[in-house]
Amino acid sequence: MSHASGNKLTAVAPHSKLYQGPFGRICPTLPGWRPKGIPDHKLDEHFIDFANKHMVEAPGEAPEDLATDGTKRAALEAEFSSNVPAGYTYFGQFVDHDITFDPAPLGVRQVDPNGLNNFRTPRLDLDNVYGRGPDDQPYLYDPDNKAKMAIGQIEGTSLPDLPRYTMPGQAGSPPKSVALIGDMRNDENSMVSQLQLAFLLAHNTLVDRAVSEYGLDVSTGEGRGEAFRQARRTLTWLYQHVVWNDYVRRIANDTVYKAAMALNDTADGRKRWDLGLKDVYNWKHQPFMPVEFSGAAYRFGHSMVRNAYQTNNDVRGFGDFAPIFDNTGAASPDDLRGFRPMRPENVIQWDWFLQMTSSGGPFPQMARKIDTKLANALSHLHEGPSGSPNNILAFRNLKRGVSLGLPSGPELAKKYCIKQVRMKEHEPDALWYYILREAEALPGSNSGQMLGRLGSTIVCAVFAGLMKGDPCSWVNLDPCWSPSDDPLLKDGTDNVDDPAWSLASIIRLSGLPVKGGDIVI
């Protein structure tokens, strides 16, 4: 997982309630939190110490050992597994890359009077897939049919991969594989890379269906354009449906979820989607990206990452866990890191990551709980040189919260009259940490299985607001739309894994491997 690099994490995000730029705040009047009694020059040391002592699943263990030692894996599985399939961890990452992107190191922005700049539209519009379209970014598209997305191939096989080109290395360094996609971050690891591929392939499937359904002639520019528009609309609306009705519903408090957005009758007998948490997230002309969401609440997904995953039965085999990062120094590490051509052993067999009709036994693998413990691998990132604090994700998130001037979790909970979690003396009130601690503190079997009330409130309010704020979403253009009624989707086939249409439906559309035996080299 890649995050803005740089050791100086100072940023300016506007505090004005009237500000309607790309980034803003949902609670501009609350003061920023910082740990009491810790001077600036001791802040890094303080957060590093806390992260290493209190925010690691297995303190002192090497991530590679946790991936290969079955006894240690089983112990972590018993303590930290959730009831959310592991595929949703990386779907959450994919969604994040669709709605927010800030490429520059945070330290640069203290001189920018406009504060943060979001290089992604705050809409669920798949601009990380389509880029700026076939006319402006033709290299993202099939040169023989610009209605379709370009697709690559794993070398020496017939298996698909992201389209790539090889960039020569500099100063004796090896060549680099660069994916030709709408957002480079979607090549960060094998899982999100293949989700990106799933969307590319799903779009191409829908293009073929549009051609058949509407009798389009793709030999003409008009026919190609119409096939592209129809396929893009269906895939985008299905994606929005999956985000709201599948993903957010899984990770949020159900009461808060249902309050955030509802389809209501109007006085004149029509139907309209209404927002129920406008006191939390509100915008005047167009949505903005709240830093409380992007810098804290939505980072709950970091706690759901596992140290290692089983990828497929056909090449890697059952019982062989691939670490997300191999830090042994191998020249060609056997891990799941990205920014390189896909390998057959890392091709995802999706019934091992999502609940599908063929899932069984220990599958799908489950994500980790939403709690205050992160996988050991996330303390060994590759964001800086060996030993850099930037390689510790928990440190980065805690430091970022201070740099963004985010309010404390208890203060934000108090503002919304939400019962506060009782924190231990050594625990920080940082908003990101508090969101994790609140989920962890849920009673009984619910502990860590979903966000708590404050986390659910922020996440549901923002996602509902983004949906309602997009004039092209199905919520606004066709409020009663359902995937089952869409002429390009096949009810009973595309949704065979879940009649309500889930992330598995997009995998089915893509034609990517689902079960053992599907990966034929």
Protein backbone atom coordinates (compact mmCIF):
# COMPACT_ATOMS: atom_id res chain seq x y z
CA MET A 1 0.00 0.00 0.00
CA SER A 2 1.48 3.30 -1.03
CA HIS A 3 0.88 6.61 0.64
CA ALA A 4 2.23 10.12 0.13
CA SER A 5 5.90 9.99 0.96
CA GLY A 6 8.11 12.39 2.77
CA ASN A 7 9.04 12.78 6.42
CA LYS A 8 7.55 16.26 6.82
CA LEU A 9 3.83 15.77 7.16
CA THR A 10 2.54 19.31 7.37
CA ALA A 11 -0.54 20.35 5.43
CA VAL A 12 -3.13 23.04 5.22
CA ALA A 13 -6.79 22.15 4.70
CA PRO A 14 -9.25 25.03 4.81
CA HIS A 15 -11.23 25.53 8.02
CA SER A 16 -13.86 27.86 6.57
CA LYS A 17 -17.38 26.42 6.63
CA LEU A 18 -18.00 28.24 3.35
CA TYR A 19 -15.06 26.59 1.60
CA GLN A 20 -16.27 24.36 -1.24
CA GLY A 21 -12.98 23.25 -2.79
CA PRO A 22 -11.82 19.69 -3.47
CA PHE A 23 -10.85 19.07 0.19
CA GLY A 24 -12.61 20.47 3.22
CA ARG A 25 -13.72 19.67 6.77
CA ILE A 26 -16.95 18.39 8.23
CA CYS A 27 -16.05 19.87 11.63
CA PRO A 28 -14.08 23.06 10.92
CA THR A 29 -14.67 24.54 14.38
CA LEU A 30 -13.08 21.71 16.36
CA PRO A 31 -9.42 22.18 17.27
CA GLY A 32 -6.81 19.80 15.93
CA TRP A 33 -5.65 17.05 18.29
CA ARG A 34 -2.09 16.46 19.35
CA PRO A 35 -0.68 14.38 22.23
CA LYS A 36 -0.40 16.33 25.46
CA GLY A 37 3.05 17.14 26.75
CA ILE A 38 4.89 15.99 23.62
CA PRO A 39 6.97 18.75 21.99
CA ASP A 40 7.25 18.90 18.22
CA HIS A 41 10.76 17.50 18.14
CA LYS A 42 9.61 14.43 20.11
CA LEU A 43 6.45 13.74 18.10
CA ASP A 44 7.98 11.23 15.68
CA GLU A 45 9.68 9.32 18.48
CA HIS A 46 6.43 9.23 20.47
CA PHE A 47 4.33 7.87 17.59
CA ILE A 48 6.96 5.35 16.49
CA ASP A 49 7.17 3.97 20.01
CA PHE A 50 3.39 3.70 20.35
CA ALA A 51 2.97 2.10 16.92
CA ASN A 52 5.65 -0.52 17.56
CA LYS A 53 4.46 -1.40 21.06
CA HIS A 54 0.69 -1.26 20.70
CA MET A 55 -0.40 -1.45 17.06
CA VAL A 56 1.16 -4.68 15.75
CA GLU A 57 -0.57 -8.07 15.67
CA ALA A 58 2.53 -10.03 16.72
CA PRO A 59 5.22 -7.72 18.15
CA GLY A 60 8.75 -8.77 17.29
CA GLU A 61 7.78 -11.29 14.63
CA ALA A 62 9.08 -11.06 11.06
CA PRO A 63 6.23 -10.85 8.53
CA GLU A 64 7.80 -13.59 6.38
CA ASP A 65 7.78 -15.99 9.36
CA LEU A 66 4.11 -15.28 10.00
CA ALA A 67 3.39 -16.13 6.36
CA THR A 68 5.20 -19.47 6.42
CA ASP A 69 4.69 -20.76 9.98
CA GLY A 70 1.35 -22.58 10.08
CA THR A 71 1.10 -22.53 13.88
CA LYS A 72 1.64 -18.79 14.09
CA ARG A 73 -0.76 -18.20 11.19
CA ALA A 74 -3.47 -20.22 12.91
CA ALA A 75 -3.04 -18.27 16.15
CA LEU A 76 -3.40 -14.95 14.35
CA GLU A 77 -6.36 -16.31 12.39
CA ALA A 78 -8.17 -17.28 15.59
CA GLU A 79 -7.57 -13.91 17.23
CA PHE A 80 -7.91 -11.42 14.40
CA SER A 81 -10.14 -12.85 11.64
CA SER A 82 -13.36 -10.99 10.81
CA ASN A 83 -16.48 -12.15 8.99
CA VAL A 84 -15.73 -9.96 5.95
CA PRO A 85 -14.18 -11.76 2.94
CA ALA A 86 -10.64 -10.60 2.19
CA GLY A 87 -11.54 -9.30 -1.27
CA TYR A 88 -13.35 -6.36 0.29
CA THR A 89 -10.12 -5.09 1.86
CA TYR A 90 -8.79 -4.37 -1.62
CA PHE A 91 -12.11 -3.27 -3.05
CA GLY A 92 -12.04 -0.59 -0.34
CA GLN A 93 -8.59 0.41 -1.61
CA PHE A 94 -9.87 0.48 -5.19
CA VAL A 95 -12.77 2.74 -4.13
CA ASP A 96 -10.40 5.06 -2.29
CA HIS A 97 -8.36 5.44 -5.47
CA ASP A 98 -11.53 6.37 -7.35
CA ILE A 99 -12.56 9.22 -5.07
CA THR A 100 -9.35 10.75 -3.76
CA PHE A 101 -5.78 11.21 -4.95
CA ASP A 102 -3.18 13.61 -3.63
CA PRO A 103 0.17 12.82 -5.29
CA ALA A 104 2.53 15.34 -3.71
CA PRO A 105 4.32 14.94 -0.36
CA LEU A 106 2.32 16.66 2.35
CA GLY A 107 5.21 18.82 3.40
CA VAL A 108 5.03 20.74 0.13
CA ARG A 109 1.58 22.09 0.76
CA GLN A 110 2.18 24.47 3.59
CA VAL A 111 3.04 27.07 0.93
CA ASP A 112 -0.10 26.37 -1.12
CA PRO A 113 -2.83 28.88 -0.19
CA ASN A 114 -5.50 26.55 -1.57
CA GLY A 115 -4.43 23.76 0.77
CA LEU A 116 -4.95 20.22 -0.35
CA ASN A 117 -5.72 19.37 -3.96
CA ASN A 118 -7.76 16.30 -4.82
CA PHE A 119 -6.70 14.95 -8.21
CA ARG A 120 -9.68 12.60 -8.29
CA THR A 121 -13.30 13.61 -8.69
CA PRO A 122 -15.17 13.16 -5.39
CA ARG A 123 -17.60 10.88 -7.21
CA LEU A 124 -18.00 7.14 -7.62
CA ASP A 125 -17.50 7.49 -11.37
CA LEU A 126 -14.63 5.06 -12.11
CA ASP A 127 -12.30 7.77 -13.36
CA ASN A 128 -9.51 5.52 -12.09
CA VAL A 129 -10.61 3.07 -14.80
CA TYR A 130 -11.69 5.31 -17.67
CA GLY A 131 -9.24 8.14 -17.17
CA ARG A 132 -10.21 11.10 -19.33
CA GLY A 133 -11.75 8.89 -22.01
CA PRO A 134 -10.64 7.33 -25.32
CA ASP A 135 -10.13 10.66 -27.09
CA ASP A 136 -7.87 12.23 -24.46
CA GLN A 137 -6.06 9.09 -23.21
CA PRO A 138 -6.20 6.66 -26.16
CA TYR A 139 -3.39 4.49 -24.73
CA LEU A 140 -5.85 3.19 -22.10
CA TYR A 141 -8.04 1.76 -24.85
CA ASP A 142 -7.94 -1.08 -27.36
CA PRO A 143 -6.35 0.38 -30.53
CA ASP A 144 -8.58 -1.85 -32.70
CA ASN A 145 -11.80 -0.83 -30.95
CA LYS A 146 -11.72 2.34 -28.86
CA ALA A 147 -15.02 1.34 -27.23
CA LYS A 148 -13.04 -1.25 -25.26
CA MET A 149 -10.29 -1.03 -22.67
CA ALA A 150 -6.77 -2.22 -23.49
CA ILE A 151 -5.88 -5.59 -21.94
CA GLY A 152 -2.42 -7.09 -21.49
CA GLN A 153 -1.23 -10.66 -21.10
CA ILE A 154 0.95 -12.52 -18.63
CA GLU A 155 4.13 -13.43 -20.48
CA GLY A 156 4.22 -17.01 -21.70
CA THR A 157 0.55 -17.63 -20.93
CA SER A 158 -2.90 -16.86 -22.26
CA LEU A 159 -3.87 -15.24 -18.93
CA PRO A 160 -4.85 -11.55 -18.96
CA ASP A 161 -2.93 -8.83 -17.16
CA LEU A 162 -3.09 -5.07 -17.03
CA PRO A 163 -1.73 -3.46 -20.20
CA ARG A 164 1.91 -2.57 -19.57
CA TYR A 165 5.00 -1.12 -21.16
CA THR A 166 8.60 -1.51 -20.08
CA MET A 167 10.41 1.66 -19.07
CA PRO A 168 14.22 1.52 -19.27
CA GLY A 169 15.99 1.73 -15.93
CA GLN A 170 18.21 4.68 -15.05
CA ALA A 171 21.84 4.61 -13.92
CA GLY A 172 22.14 0.86 -14.22
CA SER A 173 18.88 0.06 -12.46
CA PRO A 174 16.68 -2.68 -13.97
CA PRO A 175 13.81 -1.84 -16.34
CA LYS A 176 10.44 -1.03 -14.81
CA SER A 177 7.03 -2.34 -15.78
CA VAL A 178 4.48 0.46 -15.97
CA ALA A 179 0.78 -0.34 -16.12
CA LEU A 180 -1.25 1.74 -18.58
CA ILE A 181 -4.21 2.43 -16.33
CA GLY A 182 -6.19 5.41 -15.08
CA ASP A 183 -4.53 5.39 -11.64
CA MET A 184 -1.09 3.90 -11.04
CA ARG A 185 -1.97 3.11 -7.43
CA ASN A 186 -4.20 0.31 -8.71
CA ASP A 187 -1.07 -1.66 -9.50
CA GLU A 188 0.26 -1.47 -5.94
CA ASN A 189 -0.38 -5.12 -5.12
CA SER A 190 -1.65 -8.26 -6.82
CA MET A 191 -5.15 -8.00 -5.34
CA VAL A 192 -6.01 -4.42 -6.30
CA SER A 193 -4.23 -4.92 -9.63
CA GLN A 194 -6.59 -7.74 -10.49
CA LEU A 195 -9.61 -5.78 -9.32
CA GLN A 196 -8.56 -3.09 -11.78
CA LEU A 197 -8.26 -5.80 -14.43
CA ALA A 198 -11.72 -7.10 -13.49
CA PHE A 199 -13.26 -3.70 -14.20
CA LEU A 200 -11.45 -3.41 -17.54
CA LEU A 201 -12.66 -6.84 -18.61
CA ALA A 202 -16.18 -6.27 -17.25
CA HIS A 203 -16.43 -3.12 -19.35
CA ASN A 204 -15.39 -5.04 -22.46
CA THR A 205 -18.03 -7.69 -21.76
CA LEU A 206 -20.65 -4.96 -21.50
CA VAL A 207 -19.49 -3.40 -24.77
CA ASP A 208 -20.14 -6.72 -26.52
CA ARG A 209 -23.55 -6.94 -24.91
CA ALA A 210 -24.40 -3.36 -25.89
CA VAL A 211 -23.46 -4.10 -29.51
CA SER A 212 -25.77 -7.12 -29.47
CA GLU A 213 -28.60 -5.50 -27.52
CA TYR A 214 -28.79 -2.32 -29.58
CA GLY A 215 -27.52 -3.61 -32.94
CA LEU A 216 -24.57 -1.21 -32.99
CA ASP A 217 -21.96 -1.06 -35.73
CA VAL A 218 -18.58 -0.61 -34.04
CA SER A 219 -16.87 -0.06 -37.38
CA THR A 220 -18.20 3.51 -37.17
CA GLY A 221 -17.24 6.16 -34.67
CA GLU A 222 -20.88 6.68 -33.78
CA GLY A 223 -21.42 2.98 -33.09
CA ARG A 224 -18.25 2.69 -31.00
CA GLY A 225 -19.15 5.81 -29.04
CA GLU A 226 -22.63 4.53 -28.23
CA ALA A 227 -21.33 1.08 -27.21
CA PHE A 228 -18.77 2.76 -24.95
CA ARG A 229 -21.37 5.04 -23.32
CA GLN A 230 -23.85 2.25 -22.69
CA ALA A 231 -21.21 -0.06 -21.21
CA ARG A 232 -19.70 2.68 -19.07
CA ARG A 233 -23.05 3.71 -17.66
CA THR A 234 -24.03 0.15 -16.74
CA LEU A 235 -20.67 -0.67 -15.16
CA THR A 236 -20.55 2.63 -13.24
CA TRP A 237 -24.05 2.20 -11.90
CA LEU A 238 -23.39 -1.43 -10.96
CA TYR A 239 -20.22 -0.28 -9.20
CA GLN A 240 -22.14 2.39 -7.29
CA HIS A 241 -24.73 -0.21 -6.34
CA VAL A 242 -22.01 -2.56 -5.06
CA VAL A 243 -20.29 0.22 -3.08
CA TRP A 244 -23.48 1.28 -1.32
CA ASN A 245 -25.53 -1.92 -1.06
CA ASP A 246 -22.73 -4.45 -0.61
CA TYR A 247 -19.50 -2.87 0.66
CA VAL A 248 -20.70 -0.04 2.92
CA ARG A 249 -23.50 -2.21 4.29
CA ARG A 250 -20.96 -4.85 5.33
CA ILE A 251 -18.66 -2.54 7.27
CA ALA A 252 -21.10 -0.05 8.84
CA ASN A 253 -23.58 -0.06 11.71
CA ASP A 254 -26.91 -1.02 10.16
CA THR A 255 -28.95 1.69 11.89
CA VAL A 256 -26.56 4.40 10.73
CA TYR A 257 -26.42 2.91 7.24
CA LYS A 258 -30.19 2.95 6.84
CA ALA A 259 -30.40 6.52 8.18
CA ALA A 260 -27.76 7.85 5.77
CA MET A 261 -29.76 7.52 2.57
CA ALA A 262 -33.27 6.22 1.86
CA LEU A 263 -35.65 5.99 -1.08
CA ASN A 264 -38.77 7.92 -0.09
CA ASP A 265 -42.11 8.81 -1.62
CA THR A 266 -42.56 12.43 -2.66
CA ALA A 267 -45.77 14.39 -2.20
CA ASP A 268 -46.61 14.00 -5.88
CA GLY A 269 -46.22 10.22 -5.88
CA ARG A 270 -42.66 9.92 -7.19
CA LYS A 271 -39.61 8.30 -5.57
CA ARG A 272 -36.53 10.20 -4.42
CA TRP A 273 -33.37 9.34 -2.54
CA ASP A 274 -32.96 11.56 0.53
CA LEU A 275 -29.92 12.10 2.73
CA GLY A 276 -30.40 11.59 6.46
CA LEU A 277 -26.99 12.68 7.77
CA LYS A 278 -26.73 16.14 6.20
CA ASP A 279 -25.82 17.57 9.60
CA VAL A 280 -22.61 15.53 9.39
CA TYR A 281 -21.61 15.99 5.75
CA ASN A 282 -23.16 18.77 3.73
CA TRP A 283 -22.11 20.67 0.62
CA LYS A 284 -23.49 23.64 -1.24
CA HIS A 285 -22.86 23.19 -4.97
CA GLN A 286 -20.77 20.04 -5.27
CA PRO A 287 -19.29 17.45 -2.89
CA PHE A 288 -15.87 17.98 -1.37
CA MET A 289 -13.61 15.39 0.21
CA PRO A 290 -13.58 15.76 4.03
CA VAL A 291 -10.14 15.27 5.55
CA GLU A 292 -11.79 13.62 8.57
CA PHE A 293 -12.88 10.91 6.13
CA SER A 294 -9.83 10.63 3.86
CA GLY A 295 -7.23 11.16 6.59
CA ALA A 296 -8.80 9.06 9.34
CA ALA A 297 -12.19 7.35 9.16
CA TYR A 298 -11.76 5.65 5.78
CA ARG A 299 -8.32 4.42 6.77
CA PHE A 300 -10.01 1.74 8.88
CA GLY A 301 -9.19 -0.62 6.00
CA HIS A 302 -5.53 -0.63 6.97
CA SER A 303 -6.41 -2.80 9.95
CA MET A 304 -8.11 -5.37 7.66
CA VAL A 305 -4.92 -6.26 5.76
CA ARG A 306 -3.43 -9.72 6.35
CA ASN A 307 0.27 -10.60 6.34
CA ALA A 308 -0.21 -13.22 3.63
CA TYR A 309 -2.81 -14.76 1.33
CA GLN A 310 -3.42 -17.95 -0.58
CA THR A 311 -3.87 -16.92 -4.20
CA ASN A 312 -4.88 -19.92 -6.30
CA ASN A 313 -4.97 -23.71 -6.35
CA ASP A 314 -3.83 -24.24 -9.93
CA VAL A 315 -0.34 -22.70 -9.84
CA ARG A 316 0.68 -21.72 -6.30
CA GLY A 317 -1.37 -24.46 -4.67
CA PHE A 318 -3.36 -24.91 -1.49
CA GLY A 319 -1.54 -24.11 1.74
CA ASP A 320 1.16 -21.95 0.15
CA PHE A 321 0.73 -18.44 1.57
CA ALA A 322 2.30 -15.54 -0.30
CA PRO A 323 3.42 -12.61 1.91
CA ILE A 324 2.27 -9.17 0.83
CA PHE A 325 5.89 -8.00 1.18
CA ASP A 326 9.01 -10.15 1.11
CA ASN A 327 11.68 -8.23 2.99
CA THR A 328 14.42 -10.87 2.79
CA GLY A 329 16.23 -8.91 0.08
CA ALA A 330 15.63 -11.43 -2.69
CA ALA A 331 16.30 -10.05 -6.17
CA SER A 332 12.94 -11.33 -7.38
CA PRO A 333 10.82 -11.58 -4.22
CA ASP A 334 8.00 -14.09 -4.08
CA ASP A 335 5.36 -11.79 -2.68
CA LEU A 336 2.24 -9.88 -3.66
CA ARG A 337 3.74 -6.45 -4.21
CA GLY A 338 2.83 -4.73 -7.45
CA PHE A 339 4.34 -2.41 -10.06
CA ARG A 340 5.58 -5.39 -12.04
CA PRO A 341 4.06 -7.88 -14.49
CA MET A 342 1.60 -10.31 -12.93
CA ARG A 343 2.89 -13.82 -12.25
CA PRO A 344 0.73 -16.93 -12.72
CA GLU A 345 1.24 -17.98 -9.09
CA ASN A 346 -0.26 -14.66 -7.95
CA VAL A 347 -3.34 -14.75 -10.16
CA ILE A 348 -6.36 -14.50 -7.87
CA GLN A 349 -8.80 -17.38 -7.69
CA TRP A 350 -11.75 -15.28 -6.62
CA ASP A 351 -13.73 -17.87 -4.66
CA TRP A 352 -10.77 -17.77 -2.26
CA PHE A 353 -11.32 -14.01 -1.72
CA LEU A 354 -15.10 -13.58 -2.06
CA GLN A 355 -18.10 -15.67 -1.10
CA MET A 356 -19.02 -17.41 -4.33
CA THR A 357 -20.99 -20.54 -5.18
CA SER A 358 -17.79 -22.63 -5.33
CA SER A 359 -16.27 -21.31 -2.07
CA GLY A 360 -15.83 -23.96 0.59
CA GLY A 361 -13.64 -25.25 3.39
CA PRO A 362 -11.40 -22.44 4.69
CA PHE A 363 -12.47 -20.14 1.87
CA PRO A 364 -13.04 -17.36 1.31
CA GLN A 365 -10.14 -16.11 3.36
CA MET A 366 -11.33 -13.45 5.74
CA ALA A 367 -10.05 -9.93 6.28
CA ARG A 368 -8.65 -8.96 9.65
CA LYS A 369 -10.92 -7.31 12.20
CA ILE A 370 -11.30 -3.55 12.32
CA ASP A 371 -9.23 -3.01 15.45
CA THR A 372 -6.12 -1.29 16.74
CA LYS A 373 -3.73 -4.03 15.60
CA LEU A 374 -2.19 -3.93 12.13
CA ALA A 375 -0.48 -6.75 10.27
CA ASN A 376 3.24 -6.93 10.95
CA ALA A 377 3.88 -6.42 7.24
CA LEU A 378 2.52 -2.88 7.53
CA SER A 379 5.42 -1.99 9.81
CA HIS A 380 7.79 -2.93 6.98
CA LEU A 381 6.60 -0.86 4.03
CA HIS A 382 8.88 0.35 1.27
CA GLU A 383 8.08 4.06 1.46
CA GLY A 384 11.58 5.03 2.53
CA PRO A 385 15.04 3.56 3.11
CA SER A 386 15.47 0.75 5.60
CA GLY A 387 14.82 2.02 9.11
CA SER A 388 12.76 5.01 8.00
CA PRO A 389 9.69 5.71 10.16
CA ASN A 390 7.75 6.14 6.92
CA ASN A 391 7.84 2.36 6.57
CA ILE A 392 5.57 2.06 9.63
CA LEU A 393 2.01 2.68 8.47
CA ALA A 394 0.58 3.28 11.95
CA PHE A 395 3.17 5.98 12.57
CA ARG A 396 2.33 7.63 9.26
CA ASN A 397 -1.39 7.69 9.99
CA LEU A 398 -0.95 9.09 13.49
CA LYS A 399 1.48 11.76 12.29
CA ARG A 400 -0.76 12.61 9.35
CA GLY A 401 -3.71 13.24 11.65
CA VAL A 402 -1.72 15.85 13.56
CA SER A 403 -0.43 17.39 10.35
CA LEU A 404 -3.95 17.71 8.94
CA GLY A 405 -5.22 19.24 12.18
CA LEU A 406 -7.82 16.51 12.62
CA PRO A 407 -9.95 16.72 15.77
CA SER A 408 -9.80 14.08 18.47
CA GLY A 409 -12.12 11.12 18.30
CA PRO A 410 -13.82 11.83 21.64
CA GLU A 411 -14.45 15.49 20.67
CA LEU A 412 -16.02 14.47 17.38
CA ALA A 413 -18.15 11.82 19.08
CA LYS A 414 -19.28 14.41 21.62
CA LYS A 415 -20.25 16.83 18.85
CA TYR A 416 -22.62 14.24 17.36
CA CYS A 417 -23.92 13.05 20.75
CA ILE A 418 -22.40 9.59 20.24
CA LYS A 419 -21.42 7.65 23.33
CA GLN A 420 -17.68 7.91 23.75
CA VAL A 421 -15.37 4.92 24.06
CA ARG A 422 -13.46 4.84 27.32
CA MET A 423 -9.79 5.07 26.36
CA LYS A 424 -6.88 3.73 28.37
CA GLU A 425 -4.39 6.23 29.70
CA HIS A 426 -1.68 5.35 27.20
CA GLU A 427 -3.98 5.44 24.16
CA PRO A 428 -4.03 8.48 21.86
CA ASP A 429 -7.27 10.31 21.11
CA ALA A 430 -6.21 10.63 17.46
CA LEU A 431 -9.25 10.32 15.20
CA TRP A 432 -7.87 7.45 13.12
CA TYR A 433 -6.93 5.44 16.21
CA TYR A 434 -10.24 6.24 17.88
CA ILE A 435 -12.19 4.92 14.88
CA LEU A 436 -10.32 1.60 15.19
CA ARG A 437 -10.68 1.53 18.99
CA GLU A 438 -14.42 2.20 18.74
CA ALA A 439 -14.86 -0.79 16.41
CA GLU A 440 -12.75 -2.94 18.69
CA ALA A 441 -14.90 -1.93 21.68
CA LEU A 442 -18.16 -3.20 20.17
CA PRO A 443 -19.69 -5.77 22.53
CA GLY A 444 -19.35 -9.52 22.22
CA SER A 445 -19.10 -11.13 18.81
CA ASN A 446 -19.47 -7.74 17.09
CA SER A 447 -16.04 -6.62 18.29
CA GLY A 448 -14.03 -5.61 15.23
CA GLN A 449 -16.62 -6.91 12.78
CA MET A 450 -17.81 -3.46 11.70
CA LEU A 451 -17.25 0.22 12.37
CA GLY A 452 -18.59 1.75 15.56
CA ARG A 453 -21.12 4.57 15.63
CA LEU A 454 -18.74 7.46 14.93
CA GLY A 455 -16.85 5.60 12.19
CA SER A 456 -20.11 4.46 10.62
CA THR A 457 -21.54 7.97 10.79
CA ILE A 458 -18.61 9.58 8.95
CA VAL A 459 -18.25 6.81 6.36
CA CYS A 460 -21.98 6.47 5.62
CA ALA A 461 -22.56 10.23 5.52
CA VAL A 462 -19.73 10.78 3.03
CA PHE A 463 -20.57 7.88 0.72
CA ALA A 464 -24.26 8.82 0.68
CA GLY A 465 -23.33 12.44 0.04
CA LEU A 466 -21.02 11.50 -2.83
CA MET A 467 -23.76 9.40 -4.43
CA LYS A 468 -26.36 12.14 -4.07
CA GLY A 469 -23.91 14.82 -5.18
CA ASP A 470 -23.14 13.11 -8.47
CA PRO A 471 -25.65 14.34 -11.08
CA CYS A 472 -24.90 11.26 -13.21
CA SER A 473 -25.43 8.62 -10.52
CA TRP A 474 -28.39 6.27 -10.70
CA VAL A 475 -29.58 7.79 -7.42
CA ASN A 476 -30.33 10.99 -9.36
CA LEU A 477 -30.88 9.93 -12.98
CA ASP A 478 -32.93 6.78 -12.38
CA PRO A 479 -33.82 6.44 -8.67
CA CYS A 480 -35.66 3.14 -9.11
CA TRP A 481 -32.91 1.53 -11.22
CA SER A 482 -31.90 -1.99 -10.26
CA PRO A 483 -29.12 -4.14 -11.75
CA SER A 484 -31.70 -6.85 -12.33
CA ASP A 485 -33.58 -4.55 -14.71
CA ASP A 486 -30.57 -3.29 -16.66
CA PRO A 487 -30.65 -4.54 -20.28
CA LEU A 488 -26.89 -5.25 -20.27
CA LEU A 489 -26.90 -7.33 -17.07
CA LYS A 490 -28.13 -10.92 -16.81
CA ASP A 491 -30.24 -11.52 -13.76
CA GLY A 492 -29.65 -15.04 -12.45
CA THR A 493 -26.27 -15.34 -14.16
CA ASP A 494 -24.16 -12.29 -13.32
CA ASN A 495 -25.56 -12.38 -9.78
CA VAL A 496 -25.49 -16.14 -9.28
CA ASP A 497 -23.36 -15.72 -6.14
CA ASP A 498 -25.69 -13.14 -4.56
CA PRO A 499 -29.15 -12.29 -5.95
CA ALA A 500 -28.75 -8.78 -4.47
CA TRP A 501 -25.71 -8.15 -6.73
CA SER A 502 -22.36 -7.99 -4.99
CA LEU A 503 -18.69 -7.50 -5.83
CA ALA A 504 -18.74 -11.08 -7.09
CA SER A 505 -21.01 -9.91 -9.93
CA ILE A 506 -18.21 -7.74 -11.35
CA ILE A 507 -15.85 -10.71 -11.19
CA ARG A 508 -18.41 -12.81 -13.06
CA LEU A 509 -18.72 -10.13 -15.75
CA SER A 510 -14.95 -10.00 -16.13
CA GLY A 511 -14.53 -13.71 -16.75
CA LEU A 512 -11.54 -13.86 -14.40
CA PRO A 513 -10.78 -17.17 -12.61
CA VAL A 514 -13.33 -18.09 -9.98
CA LYS A 515 -12.54 -21.65 -8.92
CA GLY A 516 -9.82 -24.27 -9.13
CA GLY A 517 -9.26 -25.40 -12.69
CA ASP A 518 -10.03 -21.96 -14.17
CA ILE A 519 -6.39 -20.90 -14.46
CA VAL A 520 -5.16 -22.53 -17.63
CA ILE A 521 -1.70 -21.42 -18.71
